[in-house]
């Protein structure tokens, strides 16, 4: 299964990571977000635009890669 890793900006605590995971789950995108590593791992095929939109909806930004 393909996996893409994104750098997440502006996370302050583990709850931030859980909020991002919840937004992506609501959008139907499987992921794991790590506050300690400041990254988001998205599993499988996905629409990058949807990932960015869900993260922004949660109040955070992804670093340009």
PDB file of N, CA and C in Angstrom:
ATOM      1  N   UNK A   1       0.850  -1.175   0.000  1.00  0.00           N
ATOM      2  CA  UNK A   1       0.000   0.000   0.000  1.00  0.00           C
ATOM      3  C   UNK A   1       0.898   1.240   0.000  1.00  0.00           C
ATOM      4  N   UNK A   2       0.590   2.196  -0.849  1.00  0.00           N
ATOM      5  CA  UNK A   2       1.369   3.427  -0.947  1.00  0.00           C
ATOM      6  C   UNK A   2       1.138   4.303   0.281  1.00  0.00           C
ATOM      7  N   UNK A   3       2.182   5.025   0.668  1.00  0.00           N
ATOM      8  CA  UNK A   3       2.081   5.919   1.819  1.00  0.00           C
ATOM      9  C   UNK A   3       2.796   7.223   1.464  1.00  0.00           C
ATOM     10  N   UNK A   4       2.192   8.348   1.817  1.00  0.00           N
ATOM     11  CA  UNK A   4       2.802   9.659   1.575  1.00  0.00           C
ATOM     12  C   UNK A   4       2.935  10.353   2.922  1.00  0.00           C
ATOM     13  N   UNK A   5       4.073  10.991   3.127  1.00  0.00           N
ATOM     14  CA  UNK A   5       4.331  11.683   4.387  1.00  0.00           C
ATOM     15  C   UNK A   5       4.356  13.193   4.132  1.00  0.00           C
ATOM     16  N   UNK A   6       3.599  13.912   4.953  1.00  0.00           N
ATOM     17  CA  UNK A   6       3.530  15.368   4.873  1.00  0.00           C
ATOM     18  C   UNK A   6       4.078  15.964   6.170  1.00  0.00           C
ATOM     19  N   UNK A   7       4.730  17.106   6.087  1.00  0.00           N
ATOM     20  CA  UNK A   7       5.178  17.862   7.259  1.00  0.00           C
ATOM     21  C   UNK A   7       4.036  18.782   7.662  1.00  0.00           C
ATOM     22  N   UNK A   8       3.652  18.730   8.941  1.00  0.00           N
ATOM     23  CA  UNK A   8       2.544  19.553   9.442  1.00  0.00           C
ATOM     24  C   UNK A   8       3.111  20.739  10.223  1.00  0.00           C
ATOM     25  N   UNK A   9       2.578  21.909   9.944  1.00  0.00           N
ATOM     26  CA  UNK A   9       3.009  23.126  10.636  1.00  0.00           C
ATOM     27  C   UNK A   9       1.994  23.526  11.696  1.00  0.00           C
ATOM     28  N   UNK A  10       2.459  24.142  12.754  1.00  0.00           N
ATOM     29  CA  UNK A  10       1.628  24.774  13.789  1.00  0.00           C
ATOM     30  C   UNK A  10       0.969  23.814  14.772  1.00  0.00           C
ATOM     31  N   UNK A  11       1.376  22.551  14.839  1.00  0.00           N
ATOM     32  CA  UNK A  11       0.804  21.665  15.861  1.00  0.00           C
ATOM     33  C   UNK A  11       1.461  21.983  17.206  1.00  0.00           C
ATOM     34  N   UNK A  12       0.630  22.095  18.262  1.00  0.00           N
ATOM     35  CA  UNK A  12       1.133  22.443  19.588  1.00  0.00           C
ATOM     36  C   UNK A  12       1.108  21.283  20.587  1.00  0.00           C
ATOM     37  N   UNK A  13       0.300  20.253  20.297  1.00  0.00           N
ATOM     38  CA  UNK A  13       0.173  19.156  21.250  1.00  0.00           C
ATOM     39  C   UNK A  13      -0.409  17.922  20.558  1.00  0.00           C
ATOM     40  N   UNK A  14      -0.494  16.835  21.303  1.00  0.00           N
ATOM     41  CA  UNK A  14      -1.018  15.586  20.747  1.00  0.00           C
ATOM     42  C   UNK A  14      -2.485  15.718  20.333  1.00  0.00           C
ATOM     43  N   UNK A  15      -3.227  16.582  20.989  1.00  0.00           N
ATOM     44  CA  UNK A  15      -4.629  16.788  20.616  1.00  0.00           C
ATOM     45  C   UNK A  15      -4.750  17.375  19.215  1.00  0.00           C
ATOM     46  N   UNK A  16      -3.771  18.175  18.815  1.00  0.00           N
ATOM     47  CA  UNK A  16      -3.766  18.727  17.454  1.00  0.00           C
ATOM     48  C   UNK A  16      -3.718  17.585  16.442  1.00  0.00           C
ATOM     49  N   UNK A  17      -2.852  16.619  16.695  1.00  0.00           N
ATOM     50  CA  UNK A  17      -2.724  15.474  15.792  1.00  0.00           C
ATOM     51  C   UNK A  17      -4.026  14.687  15.721  1.00  0.00           C
ATOM     52  N   UNK A  18      -4.692  14.512  16.845  1.00  0.00           N
ATOM     53  CA  UNK A  18      -5.969  13.788  16.864  1.00  0.00           C
ATOM     54  C   UNK A  18      -7.042  14.538  16.086  1.00  0.00           C
ATOM     55  N   UNK A  19      -7.043  15.851  16.175  1.00  0.00           N
ATOM     56  CA  UNK A  19      -8.010  16.661  15.440  1.00  0.00           C
ATOM     57  C   UNK A  19      -7.799  16.513  13.929  1.00  0.00           C
ATOM     58  N   UNK A  20      -6.543  16.532  13.501  1.00  0.00           N
ATOM     59  CA  UNK A  20      -6.225  16.354  12.078  1.00  0.00           C
ATOM     60  C   UNK A  20      -6.672  14.975  11.615  1.00  0.00           C
ATOM     61  N   UNK A  21      -6.366  13.944  12.402  1.00  0.00           N
ATOM     62  CA  UNK A  21      -6.788  12.580  12.056  1.00  0.00           C
ATOM     63  C   UNK A  21      -8.302  12.503  11.911  1.00  0.00           C
ATOM     64  N   UNK A  22      -9.033  13.146  12.810  1.00  0.00           N
ATOM     65  CA  UNK A  22     -10.495  13.109  12.776  1.00  0.00           C
ATOM     66  C   UNK A  22     -11.036  13.780  11.512  1.00  0.00           C
ATOM     67  N   UNK A  23     -10.474  14.911  11.140  1.00  0.00           N
ATOM     68  CA  UNK A  23     -10.924  15.610   9.926  1.00  0.00           C
ATOM     69  C   UNK A  23     -10.676  14.754   8.683  1.00  0.00           C
ATOM     70  N   UNK A  24      -9.523  14.124   8.620  1.00  0.00           N
ATOM     71  CA  UNK A  24      -9.211  13.286   7.467  1.00  0.00           C
ATOM     72  C   UNK A  24     -10.080  12.033   7.450  1.00  0.00           C
ATOM     73  N   UNK A  25     -10.340  11.474   8.618  1.00  0.00           N
ATOM     74  CA  UNK A  25     -11.224  10.303   8.700  1.00  0.00           C
ATOM     75  C   UNK A  25     -12.621  10.665   8.190  1.00  0.00           C
ATOM     76  N   UNK A  26     -13.106  11.862   8.562  1.00  0.00           N
ATOM     77  CA  UNK A  26     -14.410  12.320   8.088  1.00  0.00           C
ATOM     78  C   UNK A  26     -14.427  12.467   6.568  1.00  0.00           C
ATOM     79  N   UNK A  27     -13.264  12.771   5.984  1.00  0.00           N
ATOM     80  CA  UNK A  27     -13.146  12.914   4.526  1.00  0.00           C
ATOM     81  C   UNK A  27     -12.891  11.570   3.841  1.00  0.00           C
ATOM     82  N   UNK A  28     -12.832  10.489   4.643  1.00  0.00           N
ATOM     83  CA  UNK A  28     -12.632   9.153   4.086  1.00  0.00           C
ATOM     84  C   UNK A  28     -11.189   8.830   3.748  1.00  0.00           C
ATOM     85  N   UNK A  29     -10.246   9.496   4.422  1.00  0.00           N
ATOM     86  CA  UNK A  29      -8.825   9.306   4.135  1.00  0.00           C
ATOM     87  C   UNK A  29      -8.151   8.675   5.355  1.00  0.00           C
ATOM     88  N   UNK A  30      -7.521   7.507   5.149  1.00  0.00           N
ATOM     89  CA  UNK A  30      -6.828   6.799   6.231  1.00  0.00           C
ATOM     90  C   UNK A  30      -5.483   7.471   6.486  1.00  0.00           C
ATOM     91  N   UNK A  31      -5.192   7.757   7.772  1.00  0.00           N
ATOM     92  CA  UNK A  31      -3.936   8.434   8.081  1.00  0.00           C
ATOM     93  C   UNK A  31      -3.524   8.194   9.523  1.00  0.00           C
ATOM     94  N   UNK A  32      -2.283   8.615   9.818  1.00  0.00           N
ATOM     95  CA  UNK A  32      -1.751   8.666  11.175  1.00  0.00           C
ATOM     96  C   UNK A  32      -1.017   9.987  11.277  1.00  0.00           C
ATOM     97  N   UNK A  33      -1.270  10.725  12.345  1.00  0.00           N
ATOM     98  CA  UNK A  33      -0.622  12.004  12.535  1.00  0.00           C
ATOM     99  C   UNK A  33       0.188  11.947  13.821  1.00  0.00           C
ATOM    100  N   UNK A  34       1.435  12.415  13.778  1.00  0.00           N
ATOM    101  CA  UNK A  34       2.315  12.379  14.938  1.00  0.00           C
ATOM    102  C   UNK A  34       2.720  13.791  15.336  1.00  0.00           C
ATOM    103  N   UNK A  35       2.320  14.193  16.544  1.00  0.00           N
ATOM    104  CA  UNK A  35       2.747  15.489  17.060  1.00  0.00           C
ATOM    105  C   UNK A  35       4.253  15.475  17.313  1.00  0.00           C
ATOM    106  N   UNK A  36       4.767  14.389  17.878  1.00  0.00           N
ATOM    107  CA  UNK A  36       6.189  14.300  18.216  1.00  0.00           C
ATOM    108  C   UNK A  36       7.082  14.465  16.989  1.00  0.00           C
ATOM    109  N   UNK A  37       6.656  13.903  15.868  1.00  0.00           N
ATOM    110  CA  UNK A  37       7.447  13.974  14.639  1.00  0.00           C
ATOM    111  C   UNK A  37       7.012  15.127  13.733  1.00  0.00           C
ATOM    112  N   UNK A  38       5.857  15.737  14.055  1.00  0.00           N
ATOM    113  CA  UNK A  38       5.295  16.831  13.255  1.00  0.00           C
ATOM    114  C   UNK A  38       4.999  16.394  11.816  1.00  0.00           C
ATOM    115  N   UNK A  39       4.515  15.146  11.682  1.00  0.00           N
ATOM    116  CA  UNK A  39       4.217  14.626  10.346  1.00  0.00           C
ATOM    117  C   UNK A  39       2.822  14.009  10.282  1.00  0.00           C
ATOM    118  N   UNK A  40       2.360  13.892   9.050  1.00  0.00           N
ATOM    119  CA  UNK A  40       1.101  13.228   8.739  1.00  0.00           C
ATOM    120  C   UNK A  40       1.407  12.153   7.711  1.00  0.00           C
ATOM    121  N   UNK A  41       1.059  10.914   8.014  1.00  0.00           N
ATOM    122  CA  UNK A  41       1.234   9.802   7.084  1.00  0.00           C
ATOM    123  C   UNK A  41      -0.121   9.414   6.529  1.00  0.00           C
ATOM    124  N   UNK A  42      -0.280   9.539   5.210  1.00  0.00           N
ATOM    125  CA  UNK A  42      -1.536   9.206   4.555  1.00  0.00           C
ATOM    126  C   UNK A  42      -1.330   7.903   3.797  1.00  0.00           C
ATOM    127  N   UNK A  43      -2.215   6.941   4.050  1.00  0.00           N
ATOM    128  CA  UNK A  43      -2.084   5.611   3.464  1.00  0.00           C
ATOM    129  C   UNK A  43      -2.978   5.456   2.242  1.00  0.00           C
ATOM    130  N   UNK A  44      -2.494   4.720   1.262  1.00  0.00           N
ATOM    131  CA  UNK A  44      -3.292   4.405   0.083  1.00  0.00           C
ATOM    132  C   UNK A  44      -3.396   5.565  -0.890  1.00  0.00           C
ATOM    133  N   UNK A  45      -4.153   5.329  -1.948  1.00  0.00           N
ATOM    134  CA  UNK A  45      -4.380   6.363  -2.952  1.00  0.00           C
ATOM    135  C   UNK A  45      -5.293   7.431  -2.348  1.00  0.00           C
ATOM    136  N   UNK A  46      -4.954   8.687  -2.595  1.00  0.00           N
ATOM    137  CA  UNK A  46      -5.763   9.774  -2.044  1.00  0.00           C
ATOM    138  C   UNK A  46      -5.614  11.023  -2.907  1.00  0.00           C
ATOM    139  N   UNK A  47      -6.545  11.925  -2.736  1.00  0.00           N
ATOM    140  CA  UNK A  47      -6.533  13.206  -3.430  1.00  0.00           C
ATOM    141  C   UNK A  47      -5.783  14.200  -2.543  1.00  0.00           C
ATOM    142  N   UNK A  48      -4.622  14.671  -3.006  1.00  0.00           N
ATOM    143  CA  UNK A  48      -3.816  15.582  -2.192  1.00  0.00           C
ATOM    144  C   UNK A  48      -4.569  16.863  -1.853  1.00  0.00           C
ATOM    145  N   UNK A  49      -5.398  17.321  -2.761  1.00  0.00           N
ATOM    146  CA  UNK A  49      -6.170  18.538  -2.499  1.00  0.00           C
ATOM    147  C   UNK A  49      -7.108  18.331  -1.311  1.00  0.00           C
ATOM    148  N   UNK A  50      -7.736  17.151  -1.232  1.00  0.00           N
ATOM    149  CA  UNK A  50      -8.627  16.844  -0.106  1.00  0.00           C
ATOM    150  C   UNK A  50      -7.850  16.805   1.203  1.00  0.00           C
ATOM    151  N   UNK A  51      -6.630  16.269   1.155  1.00  0.00           N
ATOM    152  CA  UNK A  51      -5.793  16.213   2.361  1.00  0.00           C
ATOM    153  C   UNK A  51      -5.509  17.637   2.835  1.00  0.00           C
ATOM    154  N   UNK A  52      -5.052  18.490   1.933  1.00  0.00           N
ATOM    155  CA  UNK A  52      -4.746  19.878   2.296  1.00  0.00           C
ATOM    156  C   UNK A  52      -5.986  20.587   2.838  1.00  0.00           C
ATOM    157  N   UNK A  53      -7.127  20.387   2.202  1.00  0.00           N
ATOM    158  CA  UNK A  53      -8.367  21.039   2.648  1.00  0.00           C
ATOM    159  C   UNK A  53      -8.774  20.577   4.044  1.00  0.00           C
ATOM    160  N   UNK A  54      -8.673  19.282   4.308  1.00  0.00           N
ATOM    161  CA  UNK A  54      -9.053  18.752   5.623  1.00  0.00           C
ATOM    162  C   UNK A  54      -8.118  19.272   6.711  1.00  0.00           C
ATOM    163  N   UNK A  55      -6.832  19.340   6.418  1.00  0.00           N
ATOM    164  CA  UNK A  55      -5.865  19.846   7.396  1.00  0.00           C
ATOM    165  C   UNK A  55      -6.124  21.334   7.657  1.00  0.00           C
ATOM    166  N   UNK A  56      -6.409  22.086   6.614  1.00  0.00           N
ATOM    167  CA  UNK A  56      -6.721  23.506   6.791  1.00  0.00           C
ATOM    168  C   UNK A  56      -8.012  23.689   7.576  1.00  0.00           C
ATOM    169  N   UNK A  57      -8.997  22.840   7.348  1.00  0.00           N
ATOM    170  CA  UNK A  57     -10.263  22.914   8.077  1.00  0.00           C
ATOM    171  C   UNK A  57     -10.028  22.706   9.577  1.00  0.00           C
ATOM    172  N   UNK A  58      -9.040  21.861   9.902  1.00  0.00           N
ATOM    173  CA  UNK A  58      -8.699  21.612  11.302  1.00  0.00           C
ATOM    174  C   UNK A  58      -7.885  22.763  11.902  1.00  0.00           C
ATOM    175  N   UNK A  59      -7.421  23.689  11.044  1.00  0.00           N
ATOM    176  CA  UNK A  59      -6.693  24.851  11.540  1.00  0.00           C
ATOM    177  C   UNK A  59      -5.185  24.767  11.412  1.00  0.00           C
ATOM    178  N   UNK A  60      -4.702  23.883  10.565  1.00  0.00           N
ATOM    179  CA  UNK A  60      -3.256  23.671  10.425  1.00  0.00           C
ATOM    180  C   UNK A  60      -2.856  23.757   8.960  1.00  0.00           C
ATOM    181  N   UNK A  61      -1.561  23.745   8.706  1.00  0.00           N
ATOM    182  CA  UNK A  61      -1.044  23.829   7.340  1.00  0.00           C
ATOM    183  C   UNK A  61      -0.062  22.695   7.102  1.00  0.00           C
ATOM    184  N   UNK A  62       0.045  22.293   5.852  1.00  0.00           N
ATOM    185  CA  UNK A  62       1.054  21.326   5.437  1.00  0.00           C
ATOM    186  C   UNK A  62       2.185  22.087   4.760  1.00  0.00           C
ATOM    187  N   UNK A  63       3.412  21.691   5.036  1.00  0.00           N
ATOM    188  CA  UNK A  63       4.561  22.310   4.383  1.00  0.00           C
ATOM    189  C   UNK A  63       4.584  21.882   2.919  1.00  0.00           C
ATOM    190  N   UNK A  64       4.999  22.769   2.063  1.00  0.00           N
ATOM    191  CA  UNK A  64       5.130  22.438   0.642  1.00  0.00           C
ATOM    192  C   UNK A  64       6.255  21.427   0.479  1.00  0.00           C
ATOM    193  N   UNK A  65       5.996  20.405  -0.324  1.00  0.00           N
ATOM    194  CA  UNK A  65       7.016  19.372  -0.566  1.00  0.00           C
ATOM    195  C   UNK A  65       7.409  19.337  -2.006  1.00  0.00           C
TER     196      UNK A  65
END
